[in-house]
N, C-alpha and C. Protein backbone atom coordinates (compact mmCIF):
# COMPACT_ATOMS: atom_id res chain seq x y z
N MET A 1 -17.01 18.47 -6.82
CA MET A 1 -17.26 17.01 -6.68
C MET A 1 -17.31 16.17 -7.94
N LYS A 2 -17.45 16.97 -9.44
CA LYS A 2 -17.01 16.25 -10.25
C LYS A 2 -15.40 15.01 -10.16
N GLU A 3 -14.74 15.94 -9.66
CA GLU A 3 -13.29 15.42 -9.42
C GLU A 3 -13.32 14.30 -8.54
N TRP A 4 -14.08 14.33 -7.47
CA TRP A 4 -14.15 13.18 -6.55
C TRP A 4 -15.03 12.39 -7.04
N LYS A 5 -15.86 12.26 -7.72
CA LYS A 5 -16.48 11.32 -8.87
C LYS A 5 -15.48 10.43 -9.65
N LYS A 6 -14.82 11.13 -10.50
CA LYS A 6 -13.84 10.78 -11.40
C LYS A 6 -13.11 9.87 -10.30
N GLU A 7 -12.24 10.11 -9.23
CA GLU A 7 -11.51 9.65 -8.69
C GLU A 7 -12.05 8.16 -8.34
N GLN A 8 -13.25 8.11 -7.91
CA GLN A 8 -13.92 6.96 -7.22
C GLN A 8 -13.71 5.51 -8.58
N TYR A 9 -13.70 6.11 -9.39
CA TYR A 9 -13.33 4.70 -10.91
C TYR A 9 -12.07 4.46 -11.33
N TYR A 10 -10.94 5.39 -10.41
CA TYR A 10 -9.96 5.01 -10.56
C TYR A 10 -9.28 4.03 -9.77
N ASP A 11 -8.46 2.83 -10.28
CA ASP A 11 -8.06 2.11 -9.33
C ASP A 11 -6.76 2.76 -8.46
N LYS A 12 -6.46 2.29 -7.35
CA LYS A 12 -5.72 2.41 -6.64
C LYS A 12 -4.44 1.90 -7.03
N LYS A 13 -3.00 2.39 -7.25
CA LYS A 13 -1.92 1.94 -7.18
C LYS A 13 -1.29 1.94 -5.84
N ARG A 14 -0.81 0.14 -5.84
CA ARG A 14 -0.26 -0.30 -4.59
C ARG A 14 0.91 -0.33 -4.14
N ASP A 15 1.42 0.20 -3.12
CA ASP A 15 2.90 0.16 -2.76
C ASP A 15 3.28 -1.33 -2.50
N LEU A 16 4.07 -1.72 -3.30
CA LEU A 16 4.78 -2.75 -3.42
C LEU A 16 5.72 -3.44 -2.11
N THR A 17 5.28 -4.32 -1.60
CA THR A 17 6.32 -4.89 -0.46
C THR A 17 7.79 -5.44 -0.93
N GLU A 18 8.51 -5.28 -0.57
CA GLU A 18 9.89 -5.51 -0.57
C GLU A 18 10.32 -7.22 -1.09
N TRP A 19 9.44 -7.83 -0.78
CA TRP A 19 9.15 -9.49 -1.65
C TRP A 19 8.23 -9.48 -2.83
N GLU A 20 7.61 -8.81 -2.98
CA GLU A 20 6.38 -8.39 -4.26
C GLU A 20 7.68 -8.12 -5.50
N LEU A 21 8.43 -6.62 -4.70
CA LEU A 21 9.44 -6.40 -5.76
C LEU A 21 10.40 -7.40 -6.53
N ASP A 22 10.72 -8.35 -5.05
CA ASP A 22 11.86 -9.37 -5.59
C ASP A 22 11.20 -10.53 -6.62
N GLU A 23 9.98 -10.62 -6.44
CA GLU A 23 9.62 -11.96 -7.11
C GLU A 23 9.29 -11.20 -8.61
N ILE A 24 8.90 -9.82 -8.41
CA ILE A 24 8.41 -8.94 -10.02
C ILE A 24 10.32 -9.09 -10.62
N GLU A 25 11.21 -8.82 -10.06
CA GLU A 25 12.57 -8.53 -10.55
C GLU A 25 12.79 -10.05 -10.92
N GLN A 26 12.78 -10.97 -10.45
CA GLN A 26 12.99 -12.37 -10.33
C GLN A 26 12.53 -13.08 -11.77
N THR A 27 10.72 -12.47 -12.22
CA THR A 27 10.26 -12.89 -13.39
C THR A 27 10.50 -12.49 -14.35
N ILE A 28 11.10 -11.12 -14.41
CA ILE A 28 11.60 -10.44 -15.43
C ILE A 28 13.08 -10.72 -15.86
N GLN A 29 13.94 -11.30 -15.12
CA GLN A 29 15.07 -11.70 -15.39
C GLN A 29 14.79 -13.23 -15.87
N GLN A 30 14.23 -14.07 -15.48
CA GLN A 30 14.04 -14.93 -15.92
C GLN A 30 13.05 -15.11 -17.43
N ALA A 31 12.39 -14.38 -17.74
CA ALA A 31 11.79 -14.22 -18.67
C ALA A 31 12.53 -13.50 -20.26
N PHE A 32 13.37 -12.54 -19.54
CA PHE A 32 14.43 -12.20 -20.42
C PHE A 32 15.64 -13.19 -20.59
N LYS A 33 16.23 -13.84 -19.78
CA LYS A 33 17.31 -14.60 -20.11
C LYS A 33 16.44 -16.15 -20.72
N LEU A 34 15.31 -16.23 -20.82
CA LEU A 34 14.72 -17.48 -21.57
C LEU A 34 14.11 -17.02 -22.56
N ARG A 35 13.99 -16.01 -23.21
CA ARG A 35 13.53 -15.15 -24.12
C ARG A 35 11.73 -15.91 -24.20
N LYS A 36 11.16 -15.78 -22.60
CA LYS A 36 9.71 -16.27 -22.66
C LYS A 36 8.87 -15.28 -22.79
N LEU A 37 7.51 -14.98 -23.08
CA LEU A 37 6.84 -14.40 -23.07
C LEU A 37 6.35 -13.84 -21.60
N VAL A 38 6.00 -12.52 -21.11
CA VAL A 38 5.79 -11.99 -19.98
C VAL A 38 4.42 -11.36 -20.03
N LYS A 39 3.73 -11.34 -19.03
CA LYS A 39 2.33 -10.58 -18.75
C LYS A 39 2.76 -10.12 -17.54
N LEU A 40 2.88 -8.50 -17.75
CA LEU A 40 3.00 -7.36 -16.88
C LEU A 40 1.65 -6.66 -16.54
N THR A 41 1.52 -6.56 -15.32
CA THR A 41 0.56 -5.76 -14.82
C THR A 41 0.78 -4.10 -14.66
N LEU A 42 0.48 -3.25 -15.22
CA LEU A 42 1.52 -1.90 -15.13
C LEU A 42 -0.23 -1.28 -14.61
N TRP A 43 0.49 -0.06 -13.81
CA TRP A 43 -0.41 1.17 -13.66
C TRP A 43 -0.04 2.29 -14.53
N ASP A 44 -1.19 2.47 -15.11
CA ASP A 44 -0.86 3.58 -16.30
C ASP A 44 -2.15 4.02 -16.44
N HIS A 45 -1.96 5.62 -16.59
CA HIS A 45 -3.00 6.54 -16.56
C HIS A 45 -4.33 6.26 -15.41
N ASN A 46 -3.82 6.30 -13.94
CA ASN A 46 -4.60 5.97 -12.63
C ASN A 46 -5.58 4.33 -13.49
N LYS A 47 -5.12 3.74 -14.20
CA LYS A 47 -5.78 2.14 -13.96
C LYS A 47 -4.63 1.09 -14.14
N LEU A 48 -5.11 -0.05 -13.88
CA LEU A 48 -4.33 -0.92 -13.99
C LEU A 48 -4.63 -1.97 -15.41
N GLN A 49 -3.40 -1.71 -16.47
CA GLN A 49 -3.43 -2.81 -17.17
C GLN A 49 -2.45 -3.86 -17.74
N ASP A 50 -3.07 -4.77 -18.06
CA ASP A 50 -2.01 -5.83 -18.69
C ASP A 50 -1.44 -6.00 -20.14
N HIS A 51 -0.02 -6.07 -20.34
CA HIS A 51 0.56 -5.97 -21.77
C HIS A 51 1.28 -7.26 -21.35
N VAL A 52 1.15 -8.12 -22.23
CA VAL A 52 1.70 -9.61 -22.63
C VAL A 52 2.74 -9.46 -23.99
N GLY A 53 4.23 -9.67 -23.49
CA GLY A 53 5.08 -9.58 -24.81
C GLY A 53 6.61 -10.05 -24.43
N LEU A 54 7.48 -10.03 -24.88
CA LEU A 54 8.64 -10.72 -25.03
C LEU A 54 9.78 -9.41 -24.65
N ILE A 55 10.28 -9.73 -23.26
CA ILE A 55 11.06 -8.41 -22.94
C ILE A 55 12.58 -8.39 -23.69
N THR A 56 12.95 -7.53 -24.59
CA THR A 56 13.65 -7.55 -25.23
C THR A 56 15.14 -6.58 -24.76
N GLY A 57 15.26 -5.97 -23.82
CA GLY A 57 16.20 -5.40 -23.29
C GLY A 57 15.90 -4.58 -22.26
N THR A 58 16.76 -4.25 -21.52
CA THR A 58 16.51 -2.88 -20.43
C THR A 58 17.44 -1.74 -19.94
N ASP A 59 17.30 -0.56 -19.80
CA ASP A 59 18.13 0.44 -19.35
C ASP A 59 18.02 0.84 -18.11
N THR A 60 18.69 0.38 -17.75
CA THR A 60 18.98 0.48 -16.26
C THR A 60 18.92 2.06 -15.82
N TYR A 61 19.55 2.75 -16.61
CA TYR A 61 20.12 4.51 -16.22
C TYR A 61 19.05 4.63 -16.61
N GLU A 62 17.76 4.63 -17.24
CA GLU A 62 16.47 5.25 -17.33
C GLU A 62 15.35 4.41 -16.56
N LYS A 63 15.91 3.08 -15.96
CA LYS A 63 14.78 2.37 -15.15
C LYS A 63 13.91 1.64 -15.82
N GLU A 64 14.23 1.57 -16.84
CA GLU A 64 13.00 1.03 -18.02
C GLU A 64 13.41 -0.69 -18.84
N LEU A 65 12.02 -1.02 -19.05
CA LEU A 65 12.42 -2.40 -19.99
C LEU A 65 11.72 -2.36 -20.88
N ILE A 66 11.91 -2.73 -22.12
CA ILE A 66 11.62 -2.55 -23.37
C ILE A 66 10.93 -3.98 -23.40
N LEU A 67 9.51 -4.01 -23.63
CA LEU A 67 8.72 -5.01 -24.15
C LEU A 67 8.14 -4.64 -25.68
N ASP A 68 8.10 -5.99 -26.27
CA ASP A 68 7.68 -6.13 -27.74
C ASP A 68 6.87 -7.09 -27.44
N ILE A 69 5.50 -6.10 -27.70
CA ILE A 69 4.21 -6.55 -28.09
C ILE A 69 4.26 -7.14 -29.61
N ASP A 70 2.36 -7.63 -29.91
CA ASP A 70 2.89 -7.93 -31.64
C ASP A 70 3.11 -6.43 -32.36
N ILE A 71 2.26 -5.68 -31.62
CA ILE A 71 1.87 -4.65 -32.83
C ILE A 71 3.09 -3.28 -32.67
N SER A 72 3.69 -3.36 -31.18
CA SER A 72 4.51 -2.33 -31.21
C SER A 72 5.69 -2.53 -30.16
N ILE A 73 6.68 -1.55 -29.83
CA ILE A 73 7.70 -1.92 -28.76
C ILE A 73 7.36 -0.71 -27.78
N LYS A 74 7.51 -1.17 -26.62
CA LYS A 74 6.57 -0.31 -25.37
C LYS A 74 8.05 -0.08 -24.45
N ARG A 75 8.16 0.94 -24.01
CA ARG A 75 9.56 1.19 -22.72
C ARG A 75 8.64 1.34 -21.67
N ILE A 76 8.42 0.60 -20.52
CA ILE A 76 8.02 0.48 -19.39
C ILE A 76 8.60 1.06 -18.09
N THR A 77 8.51 1.97 -17.72
CA THR A 77 9.17 2.40 -16.79
C THR A 77 9.01 1.18 -15.79
N PHE A 78 10.04 0.91 -14.42
CA PHE A 78 10.28 -0.34 -13.27
C PHE A 78 8.81 0.31 -12.53
N GLU A 79 8.86 1.66 -12.18
CA GLU A 79 7.65 1.87 -11.19
C GLU A 79 5.87 1.88 -11.48
N GLN A 80 5.91 1.54 -13.36
CA GLN A 80 4.77 1.14 -13.43
C GLN A 80 4.26 -0.43 -13.14
N ILE A 81 5.16 -1.10 -12.72
CA ILE A 81 4.96 -2.57 -12.81
C ILE A 81 4.66 -3.10 -11.66
N GLN A 82 3.14 -3.26 -11.47
CA GLN A 82 2.59 -4.29 -10.16
C GLN A 82 2.75 -5.47 -10.01
N LYS A 83 2.86 -6.57 -11.13
CA LYS A 83 2.84 -7.64 -11.35
C LYS A 83 3.41 -8.49 -12.48
N ALA A 84 4.18 -9.59 -12.25
CA ALA A 84 4.72 -10.06 -13.46
C ALA A 84 4.41 -11.58 -13.38
N SER A 85 4.04 -12.16 -14.60
CA SER A 85 4.57 -13.56 -14.83
C SER A 85 4.50 -13.82 -16.26
N LEU A 86 5.46 -15.03 -15.80
CA LEU A 86 5.66 -15.97 -17.20
C LEU A 86 4.31 -16.49 -18.15
N VAL A 87 4.35 -16.47 -19.12
CA VAL A 87 2.69 -16.90 -19.87
C VAL A 87 3.43 -18.33 -20.48
N ASP A 88 2.31 -19.20 -20.12
CA ASP A 88 2.53 -20.68 -20.59
C ASP A 88 2.43 -20.47 -21.92
N SER A 89 3.31 -21.13 -23.05
CA SER A 89 2.89 -21.22 -24.53
C SER A 89 2.30 -22.02 -24.91
N ASP A 90 1.33 -23.10 -24.14
CA ASP A 90 0.49 -23.90 -24.21
C ASP A 90 -1.13 -22.91 -24.23
N ASP A 91 -0.82 -21.62 -23.99
CA ASP A 91 -1.98 -20.98 -23.56
C ASP A 91 -2.99 -20.58 -25.15
């Protein structure tokens, strides 16, 4: 019963459509090429989390990208990404 109650508070990871995956890929490529800030919504530890940073590289072998946020550098697996959007520098 305790486990069931814990699960009730978790977000559910969505299976993304091919169209959504293409849109995420295009946004990431654009952010990387133009060196723009990107906001990534990630599935991490059974919940969704937003991270904003600069994509400084990708590791296609490990299927990861490298996100430079203000306080650290994160290695993010492609499977964690649920959404990506460019951050307007005027914000």
